[in-house]
Structures are given as structure tokens and as C-alpha cells.
C-alpha atoms as a PDB file:
ATOM      1  CA  MET A   1       0.000   0.000   0.000  1.00  0.00           C
ATOM      2  CA  ASN A   2       2.769   2.387  -0.995  1.00  0.00           C
ATOM      3  CA  LYS A   3       2.091   6.047  -1.781  1.00  0.00           C
ATOM      4  CA  GLY A   4      -0.021   6.373  -4.902  1.00  0.00           C
ATOM      5  CA  PHE A   5      -1.915   3.072  -4.667  1.00  0.00           C
ATOM      6  CA  LEU A   6      -5.250   4.406  -3.411  1.00  0.00           C
ATOM      7  CA  TYR A   7      -4.906   7.490  -5.612  1.00  0.00           C
ATOM      8  CA  SER A   8      -4.547   5.306  -8.722  1.00  0.00           C
ATOM      9  CA  ILE A   9      -7.463   3.071  -7.723  1.00  0.00           C
ATOM     10  CA  LYS A  10      -9.695   6.108  -7.194  1.00  0.00           C
ATOM     11  CA  LYS A  11      -8.703   7.547 -10.583  1.00  0.00           C
ATOM     12  CA  ILE A  12      -9.307   4.218 -12.320  1.00  0.00           C
ATOM     13  CA  LEU A  13     -12.796   3.852 -10.833  1.00  0.00           C
ATOM     14  CA  ARG A  14     -13.708   7.386 -11.921  1.00  0.00           C
ATOM     15  CA  GLY A  15     -12.289   7.121 -15.443  1.00  0.00           C
ATOM     16  CA  PRO A  16     -10.336   3.946 -16.271  1.00  0.00           C
ATOM     17  CA  GLY A  17      -9.574   4.699 -19.902  1.00  0.00           C
ATOM     18  CA  LYS A  18      -8.859   8.357 -19.214  1.00  0.00           C
ATOM     19  CA  THR A  19      -6.423   7.393 -16.443  1.00  0.00           C
ATOM     20  CA  ALA A  20      -4.562   5.021 -18.783  1.00  0.00           C
ATOM     21  CA  ARG A  21      -4.439   7.656 -21.527  1.00  0.00           C
ATOM     22  CA  GLU A  22      -3.096  10.320 -19.169  1.00  0.00           C
ATOM     23  CA  PHE A  23      -0.403   7.980 -17.842  1.00  0.00           C
ATOM     24  CA  VAL A  24       0.724   7.027 -21.362  1.00  0.00           C
ATOM     25  CA  GLU A  25       0.823  10.702 -22.332  1.00  0.00           C
ATOM     26  CA  GLY A  26       3.109  11.551 -19.399  1.00  0.00           C
ATOM     27  CA  ASN A  27       0.831  12.497 -16.492  1.00  0.00           C
ATOM     28  CA  ARG A  28       2.394  10.091 -13.987  1.00  0.00           C
ATOM     29  CA  VAL A  29       2.704  12.197 -10.851  1.00  0.00           C
ATOM     30  CA  ASN A  30       1.268  10.449  -7.746  1.00  0.00           C
ATOM     31  CA  HIS A  31       0.397   7.301  -9.759  1.00  0.00           C
ATOM     32  CA  TYR A  32       1.293   3.781  -8.719  1.00  0.00           C
ATOM     33  CA  LYS A  33       3.274   1.901 -11.378  1.00  0.00           C
ATOM     34  CA  PRO A  34       0.654   0.125 -13.553  1.00  0.00           C
ATOM     35  CA  ILE A  35       2.455  -3.236 -13.843  1.00  0.00           C
ATOM     36  CA  LEU A  36       3.015  -3.386 -10.088  1.00  0.00           C
ATOM     37  CA  LEU A  37      -0.603  -2.310  -9.625  1.00  0.00           C
ATOM     38  CA  VAL A  38      -1.761  -5.389 -11.551  1.00  0.00           C
ATOM     39  CA  PHE A  39       0.269  -7.651  -9.287  1.00  0.00           C
ATOM     40  CA  VAL A  40      -0.902  -6.010  -6.047  1.00  0.00           C
ATOM     41  CA  VAL A  41      -4.606  -5.894  -6.974  1.00  0.00           C
ATOM     42  CA  ALA A  42      -4.564  -9.465  -8.321  1.00  0.00           C
ATOM     43  CA  GLY A  43      -2.775 -10.513  -5.128  1.00  0.00           C
ATOM     44  CA  ILE A  44      -5.485  -8.909  -2.995  1.00  0.00           C
ATOM     45  CA  SER A  45      -8.138 -10.652  -5.114  1.00  0.00           C
ATOM     46  CA  ALA A  46      -6.377 -14.011  -4.757  1.00  0.00           C
ATOM     47  CA  PHE A  47      -5.932 -13.547  -0.998  1.00  0.00           C
ATOM     48  CA  LEU A  48      -9.606 -12.723  -0.453  1.00  0.00           C
ATOM     49  CA  THR A  49     -10.759 -15.567  -2.716  1.00  0.00           C
ATOM     50  CA  ASN A  50      -8.573 -18.236  -1.150  1.00  0.00           C
ATOM     51  CA  THR A  51      -9.160 -17.022   2.428  1.00  0.00           C
ATOM     52  CA  LEU A  52     -12.918 -16.453   2.336  1.00  0.00           C
ATOM     53  CA  ILE A  53     -14.170 -18.841  -0.341  1.00  0.00           C
ATOM     54  CA  HIS A  54     -11.686 -21.728  -0.721  1.00  0.00           C
ATOM     55  CA  PRO A  55     -12.469 -22.229  -4.433  1.00  0.00           C
ATOM     56  CA  ASP A  56     -10.211 -25.285  -4.718  1.00  0.00           C
ATOM     57  CA  GLU A  57     -12.501 -27.190  -2.327  1.00  0.00           C
ATOM     58  CA  ILE A  58     -15.629 -25.984  -4.131  1.00  0.00           C
ATOM     59  CA  MET A  59     -14.254 -26.966  -7.551  1.00  0.00           C
ATOM     60  CA  ALA A  60     -13.309 -30.408  -6.198  1.00  0.00           C
ATOM     61  CA  ARG A  61     -16.905 -30.878  -5.012  1.00  0.00           C
ATOM     62  CA  PHE A  62     -18.228 -29.692  -8.359  1.00  0.00           C
ATOM     63  CA  TYR A  63     -16.120 -32.062 -10.453  1.00  0.00           C
ATOM     64  CA  LYS A  64     -16.965 -34.992  -8.212  1.00  0.00           C
ATOM     65  CA  SER A  65     -20.651 -34.257  -8.798  1.00  0.00           C
ATOM     66  CA  GLN A  66     -20.141 -34.397 -12.584  1.00  0.00           C
ATOM     67  CA  ASN A  67     -19.184 -38.099 -12.608  1.00  0.00           C
ATOM     68  CA  LEU A  68     -16.187 -37.435 -14.833  1.00  0.00           C
ATOM     69  CA  PRO A  69     -13.483 -40.028 -15.518  1.00  0.00           C
ATOM     70  CA  GLU A  70     -11.059 -40.072 -12.591  1.00  0.00           C
ATOM     71  CA  ILE A  71      -8.067 -38.854 -14.610  1.00  0.00           C
ATOM     72  CA  GLN A  72     -10.074 -35.947 -16.054  1.00  0.00           C
ATOM     73  CA  GLU A  73     -11.391 -35.010 -12.612  1.00  0.00           C
ATOM     74  CA  LYS A  74      -7.860 -34.964 -11.155  1.00  0.00           C
ATOM     75  CA  MET A  75      -6.466 -32.894 -14.030  1.00  0.00           C
ATOM     76  CA  ASN A  76      -9.268 -30.316 -13.727  1.00  0.00           C
ATOM     77  CA  ILE A  77      -8.749 -30.002  -9.976  1.00  0.00           C
ATOM     78  CA  ILE A  78      -4.975 -29.630 -10.408  1.00  0.00           C
ATOM     79  CA  MET A  79      -5.456 -26.994 -13.120  1.00  0.00           C
ATOM     80  CA  PHE A  80      -7.897 -24.855 -11.121  1.00  0.00           C
ATOM     81  CA  SER A  81      -5.851 -25.212  -7.938  1.00  0.00           C
ATOM     82  CA  PHE A  82      -2.807 -23.955  -9.841  1.00  0.00           C
ATOM     83  CA  ILE A  83      -4.758 -20.993 -11.238  1.00  0.00           C
ATOM     84  CA  TYR A  84      -6.114 -19.925  -7.845  1.00  0.00           C
ATOM     85  CA  LYS A  85      -2.755 -20.448  -6.102  1.00  0.00           C
ATOM     86  CA  TYR A  86      -0.713 -18.428  -8.594  1.00  0.00           C
ATOM     87  CA  TYR A  87      -3.438 -16.035  -9.748  1.00  0.00           C
ATOM     88  CA  ALA A  88      -1.410 -12.836  -9.223  1.00  0.00           C
ATOM     89  CA  ILE A  89       1.558 -14.185 -11.197  1.00  0.00           C
ATOM     90  CA  ILE A  90      -0.724 -15.427 -13.986  1.00  0.00           C
ATOM     91  CA  MET A  91      -2.395 -12.008 -14.242  1.00  0.00           C
ATOM     92  CA  LEU A  92       0.998 -10.313 -14.350  1.00  0.00           C
ATOM     93  CA  ALA A  93       2.241 -12.687 -17.068  1.00  0.00           C
ATOM     94  CA  SER A  94      -0.927 -12.117 -19.116  1.00  0.00           C
ATOM     95  CA  VAL A  95      -0.284  -8.365 -19.466  1.00  0.00           C
ATOM     96  CA  PRO A  96       2.344  -8.484 -22.266  1.00  0.00           C
ATOM     97  CA  ILE A  97       0.422 -11.247 -24.060  1.00  0.00           C
ATOM     98  CA  MET A  98      -2.914  -9.444 -23.905  1.00  0.00           C
ATOM     99  CA  ALA A  99      -1.178  -6.195 -24.884  1.00  0.00           C
ATOM    100  CA  PHE A 100       0.031  -7.816 -28.101  1.00  0.00           C
ATOM    101  CA  PHE A 101      -3.527  -8.685 -29.134  1.00  0.00           C
ATOM    102  CA  THR A 102      -4.921  -5.267 -28.207  1.00  0.00           C
ATOM    103  CA  TRP A 103      -2.076  -3.713 -30.202  1.00  0.00           C
ATOM    104  CA  LEU A 104      -3.133  -5.801 -33.214  1.00  0.00           C
ATOM    105  CA  ALA A 105      -6.805  -4.878 -32.853  1.00  0.00           C
ATOM    106  CA  PHE A 106      -6.178  -1.139 -32.300  1.00  0.00           C
ATOM    107  CA  LYS A 107      -2.961  -0.909 -34.316  1.00  0.00           C
ATOM    108  CA  LYS A 108      -4.042   2.049 -36.459  1.00  0.00           C
ATOM    109  CA  TRP A 109      -5.233   4.173 -33.540  1.00  0.00           C
ATOM    110  CA  GLY A 110      -1.899   5.571 -32.420  1.00  0.00           C
ATOM    111  CA  TYR A 111      -0.511   3.552 -29.504  1.00  0.00           C
ATOM    112  CA  ASN A 112       2.529   1.313 -29.897  1.00  0.00           C
ATOM    113  CA  TYR A 113       2.996  -2.081 -28.254  1.00  0.00           C
ATOM    114  CA  TYR A 114       4.738  -0.753 -25.126  1.00  0.00           C
ATOM    115  CA  GLU A 115       1.975   1.794 -24.578  1.00  0.00           C
ATOM    116  CA  ASN A 116      -0.536  -1.040 -24.975  1.00  0.00           C
ATOM    117  CA  VAL A 117       1.229  -2.859 -22.144  1.00  0.00           C
ATOM    118  CA  VAL A 118       0.379   0.061 -19.850  1.00  0.00           C
ATOM    119  CA  ILE A 119      -3.154   0.318 -21.261  1.00  0.00           C
ATOM    120  CA  THR A 120      -3.742  -3.418 -20.780  1.00  0.00           C
ATOM    121  CA  ALA A 121      -2.449  -3.213 -17.216  1.00  0.00           C
ATOM    122  CA  TYR A 122      -4.980  -0.500 -16.387  1.00  0.00           C
ATOM    123  CA  SER A 123      -7.828  -2.426 -18.007  1.00  0.00           C
ATOM    124  CA  LEU A 124      -7.005  -5.545 -15.978  1.00  0.00           C
ATOM    125  CA  VAL A 125      -6.725  -3.532 -12.764  1.00  0.00           C
ATOM    126  CA  PHE A 126     -10.156  -2.022 -13.444  1.00  0.00           C
ATOM    127  CA  LEU A 127     -11.583  -5.497 -14.036  1.00  0.00           C
ATOM    128  CA  GLN A 128      -9.980  -6.865 -10.863  1.00  0.00           C
ATOM    129  CA  VAL A 129     -11.218  -4.008  -8.680  1.00  0.00           C
ATOM    130  CA  LEU A 130     -14.789  -4.595  -9.872  1.00  0.00           C
ATOM    131  CA  THR A 131     -14.314  -8.319  -9.273  1.00  0.00           C
ATOM    132  CA  ILE A 132     -13.234  -7.636  -5.689  1.00  0.00           C
ATOM    133  CA  LEU A 133     -16.179  -5.302  -5.101  1.00  0.00           C
ATOM    134  CA  ILE A 134     -18.901  -7.381  -6.789  1.00  0.00           C
ATOM    135  CA  VAL A 135     -17.974 -10.952  -7.737  1.00  0.00           C
ATOM    136  CA  ILE A 136     -16.094 -12.063  -4.621  1.00  0.00           C
ATOM    137  CA  PRO A 137     -18.974 -11.034  -2.279  1.00  0.00           C
ATOM    138  CA  LEU A 138     -21.361 -13.000  -4.525  1.00  0.00           C
ATOM    139  CA  GLN A 139     -19.091 -16.032  -4.459  1.00  0.00           C
ATOM    140  CA  TYR A 140     -18.921 -15.812  -0.687  1.00  0.00           C
ATOM    141  CA  ALA A 141     -22.711 -15.555  -0.436  1.00  0.00           C
ATOM    142  CA  PHE A 142     -23.236 -18.667  -2.606  1.00  0.00           C
ATOM    143  CA  LYS A 143     -20.222 -20.752  -1.555  1.00  0.00           C
ATOM    144  CA  ASP A 144     -22.427 -23.272   0.292  1.00  0.00           C
ATOM    145  CA  ASN A 145     -24.757 -23.700  -2.683  1.00  0.00           C
ATOM    146  CA  LEU A 146     -22.788 -25.449  -5.411  1.00  0.00           C
ATOM    147  CA  HIS A 147     -25.394 -24.922  -8.115  1.00  0.00           C
ATOM    148  CA  LEU A 148     -25.816 -21.187  -7.526  1.00  0.00           C
ATOM    149  CA  PHE A 149     -22.062 -20.728  -7.011  1.00  0.00           C
ATOM    150  CA  MET A 150     -21.336 -22.102 -10.487  1.00  0.00           C
ATOM    151  CA  ILE A 151     -24.084 -20.076 -12.210  1.00  0.00           C
ATOM    152  CA  ILE A 152     -24.717 -16.632 -10.704  1.00  0.00           C
ATOM    153  CA  PRO A 153     -21.141 -15.382 -10.035  1.00  0.00           C
ATOM    154  CA  THR A 154     -20.060 -16.779 -13.422  1.00  0.00           C
ATOM    155  CA  ILE A 155     -22.800 -14.909 -15.288  1.00  0.00           C
ATOM    156  CA  ILE A 156     -22.101 -11.711 -13.351  1.00  0.00           C
ATOM    157  CA  SER A 157     -18.370 -12.091 -14.038  1.00  0.00           C
ATOM    158  CA  MET A 158     -19.002 -12.359 -17.785  1.00  0.00           C
ATOM    159  CA  ILE A 159     -21.263  -9.301 -17.747  1.00  0.00           C
ATOM    160  CA  ILE A 160     -18.683  -7.322 -15.766  1.00  0.00           C
ATOM    161  CA  MET A 161     -15.839  -8.400 -18.057  1.00  0.00           C
ATOM    162  CA  ILE A 162     -17.678  -7.424 -21.250  1.00  0.00           C
ATOM    163  CA  GLY A 163     -18.964  -4.177 -19.749  1.00  0.00           C
ATOM    164  CA  THR A 164     -15.544  -3.342 -18.308  1.00  0.00           C
ATOM    165  CA  PHE A 165     -13.711  -3.571 -21.617  1.00  0.00           C
ATOM    166  CA  ILE A 166     -16.403  -1.640 -23.493  1.00  0.00           C
ATOM    167  CA  TRP A 167     -16.422   1.118 -20.871  1.00  0.00           C
ATOM    168  CA  PHE A 168     -12.616   1.176 -20.640  1.00  0.00           C
ATOM    169  CA  TYR A 169     -11.890   1.457 -24.358  1.00  0.00           C
ATOM    170  CA  ILE A 170     -14.675   3.946 -25.058  1.00  0.00           C
ATOM    171  CA  ASP A 171     -13.207   6.075 -22.257  1.00  0.00           C
ATOM    172  CA  LEU A 172      -9.677   5.548 -23.601  1.00  0.00           C
ATOM    173  CA  TYR A 173     -10.513   6.450 -27.206  1.00  0.00           C
ATOM    174  CA  ASN A 174     -12.940   9.220 -26.348  1.00  0.00           C
ATOM    175  CA  GLN A 175     -12.352  10.929 -29.708  1.00  0.00           C
ATOM    176  CA  LYS A 176     -13.666   7.863 -31.553  1.00  0.00           C
ATOM    177  CA  SER A 177     -17.323   6.907 -31.823  1.00  0.00           C
ATOM    178  CA  ALA A 178     -18.621   4.181 -29.528  1.00  0.00           C
ATOM    179  CA  GLY A 179     -19.564   2.128 -32.583  1.00  0.00           C
ATOM    180  CA  ASP A 180     -16.006   2.203 -33.939  1.00  0.00           C
ATOM    181  CA  VAL A 181     -14.603   1.186 -30.561  1.00  0.00           C
ATOM    182  CA  ILE A 182     -17.044  -1.711 -30.266  1.00  0.00           C
ATOM    183  CA  LEU A 183     -16.105  -2.918 -33.768  1.00  0.00           C
ATOM    184  CA  ARG A 184     -12.445  -2.958 -32.728  1.00  0.00           C
ATOM    185  CA  LEU A 185     -13.361  -4.871 -29.574  1.00  0.00           C
ATOM    186  CA  LEU A 186     -15.235  -7.410 -31.702  1.00  0.00           C
ATOM    187  CA  LEU A 187     -12.076  -7.798 -33.776  1.00  0.00           C
ATOM    188  CA  LEU A 188     -10.126  -8.327 -30.556  1.00  0.00           C
ATOM    189  CA  ALA A 189     -12.679 -10.928 -29.424  1.00  0.00           C
ATOM    190  CA  ALA A 190     -12.364 -12.743 -32.765  1.00  0.00           C
ATOM    191  CA  ILE A 191      -8.567 -12.832 -32.467  1.00  0.00           C
ATOM    192  CA  LEU A 192      -8.752 -14.152 -28.898  1.00  0.00           C
ATOM    193  CA  PHE A 193     -11.329 -16.773 -29.906  1.00  0.00           C
ATOM    194  CA  ILE A 194      -9.065 -18.094 -32.666  1.00  0.00           C
ATOM    195  CA  VAL A 195      -6.132 -18.231 -30.242  1.00  0.00           C
ATOM    196  CA  TYR A 196      -8.348 -20.004 -27.690  1.00  0.00           C
ATOM    197  CA  ILE A 197      -9.354 -22.691 -30.218  1.00  0.00           C
ATOM    198  CA  LEU A 198      -5.730 -23.208 -31.192  1.00  0.00           C
ATOM    199  CA  LEU A 199      -4.739 -23.580 -27.540  1.00  0.00           C
ATOM    200  CA  ILE A 200      -7.494 -26.166 -26.996  1.00  0.00           C
ATOM    201  CA  ILE A 201      -6.282 -28.170 -29.995  1.00  0.00           C
ATOM    202  CA  ILE A 202      -2.689 -28.003 -28.725  1.00  0.00           C
ATOM    203  CA  ALA A 203      -3.818 -29.013 -25.211  1.00  0.00           C
ATOM    204  CA  ILE A 204      -5.731 -32.019 -26.598  1.00  0.00           C
ATOM    205  CA  ILE A 205      -2.731 -33.134 -28.650  1.00  0.00           C
ATOM    206  CA  VAL A 206      -0.366 -32.748 -25.687  1.00  0.00           C
ATOM    207  CA  GLY A 207      -2.814 -34.596 -23.413  1.00  0.00           C
ATOM    208  CA  VAL A 208      -3.217 -37.505 -25.816  1.00  0.00           C
ATOM    209  CA  VAL A 209       0.555 -37.769 -26.373  1.00  0.00           C
ATOM    210  CA  TYR A 210       1.143 -37.665 -22.608  1.00  0.00           C
ATOM    211  CA  ALA A 211      -1.523 -40.310 -22.009  1.00  0.00           C
ATOM    212  CA  MET A 212      -0.063 -42.614 -24.643  1.00  0.00           C
ATOM    213  CA  SER A 213       3.479 -42.140 -23.319  1.00  0.00           C
ATOM    214  CA  THR A 214       2.398 -43.082 -19.782  1.00  0.00           C
ATOM    215  CA  GLY A 215       0.211 -46.003 -20.818  1.00  0.00           C
ATOM    216  CA  ILE A 216      -3.128 -44.283 -20.120  1.00  0.00           C
ATOM    217  CA  ASP A 217      -5.927 -44.903 -22.582  1.00  0.00           C
ATOM    218  CA  PRO A 218      -6.726 -41.459 -24.156  1.00  0.00           C
ATOM    219  CA  LYS A 219     -10.407 -42.453 -24.211  1.00  0.00           C
ATOM    220  CA  THR A 220     -10.511 -42.031 -20.426  1.00  0.00           C
ATOM    221  CA  PHE A 221     -10.301 -38.269 -20.931  1.00  0.00           C
ATOM    222  CA  PHE A 222     -13.665 -38.231 -22.686  1.00  0.00           C
ATOM    223  CA  PRO A 223     -16.849 -39.432 -20.944  1.00  0.00           C
ATOM    224  CA  ALA A 224     -18.822 -42.031 -22.862  1.00  0.00           C
ATOM    225  CA  PRO A 225     -22.134 -40.791 -24.332  1.00  0.00           C
ATOM    226  CA  LYS A 226     -25.163 -41.755 -22.299  1.00  0.00           C
END
């Protein structure tokens, strides 16, 4: 909670895109460093989530209720436990990657890749602050109801994420029309979707190769149709 942290959070909540634009353009007095801000805010989010909600235990209960193959259940639990344990580091590592895709989508609008790193950091901080204020309390409220826990906070999280990026980039590019900004965001979504599909294909290939190399039947990863 060094000097500048609360000041930056207040500025981001009032005008997230404007704050990012001002920082990129040189107005950095009193501001917390954006990359460090990502790490600190994500760390606070991870601490609150793991202390109050224990999502690893909830996800273990959820996957057991799905009657998945044992190997698939274990892999899912390991994956989500890893994500929740190292959430702050994962968020920090995602900044330069996400910045590359935002740079591609908004390439002709004036900001270079390094400036997009700062912009992406601010957008993720804004998203995380709203998650702390809205999603985590909802998760805590529904943590004893597995069905509601998996539905309501997830839906709210998706709404917040979509709304956050629309609000952020309209505020950032305030000289552009909202329609133009939304079209660029749709382009960004298309790029991320393609990357997501490619990652799934790679993950399936790696999983099958690993299963075959260790003597596990790859069919155990896929539940039989009922």
C-alpha cells in the first residue's frame, strides 16, 4: 500500500480509460506503477478468494458431482488449484500477451505495443477491482450452494468483463465513436477466440501424447455418451 496506490485506484474507478491515456501521455505524478498495480490488486483478489471462499474445495466438489473419468477429474482439480494459487503471477504474465492482441486490434489508432502494455495493465486492474467489489462477495454468499455458485457469479463475471472492456476502451478512445470502438473490440474478441481454439487443440494433442506415453488410454479423458 505504498504512496499512490489508493490514488490510482480512485482515478481508475472514476475514469479507467482516461487514467490510462493520461499515464501514457506523461501524467504520472502520484500514480502507482501500472504493472506493479496489476500484481498487487490481483494478489489482494487471490488472498480474499482463497481465504474467504476456498475455491479449490468448491471446484473439487463440483467435479466430483459431474461423474467425470477419474483422470479428467484430477487434471481439472490440479489446473484450477494452480490458477487460484498463482493467480497474481498469472495475471501479471498475461499483461504483455494481452497487450500484443490489443495492439493488433487497435494498431491504427496511435498507440505502440509498449503503450498497450500500460493500457492493458490498467484495463485488468479495473476489471480486478470490480471483481473484488462485486464478484467475490457473490461467491462468498453462494459458496455453500454449489449450483448457484457455479451459475450466478459466473454470469455476473461475464457481464462485468464485457462491460468493463467496453467502458474502458470507449473512455480511452474518447475521440472515436462508440460504434467504432465496439467494432475494434469485436475484432479483438475474434482474435482471442481463434487463439483459444488453437490452444485447446494443442492441449488435446499434448494430453493424448502424454496419455499414450504413460500407458493411459486417451479415451478415459472423454466421458462415454449416455
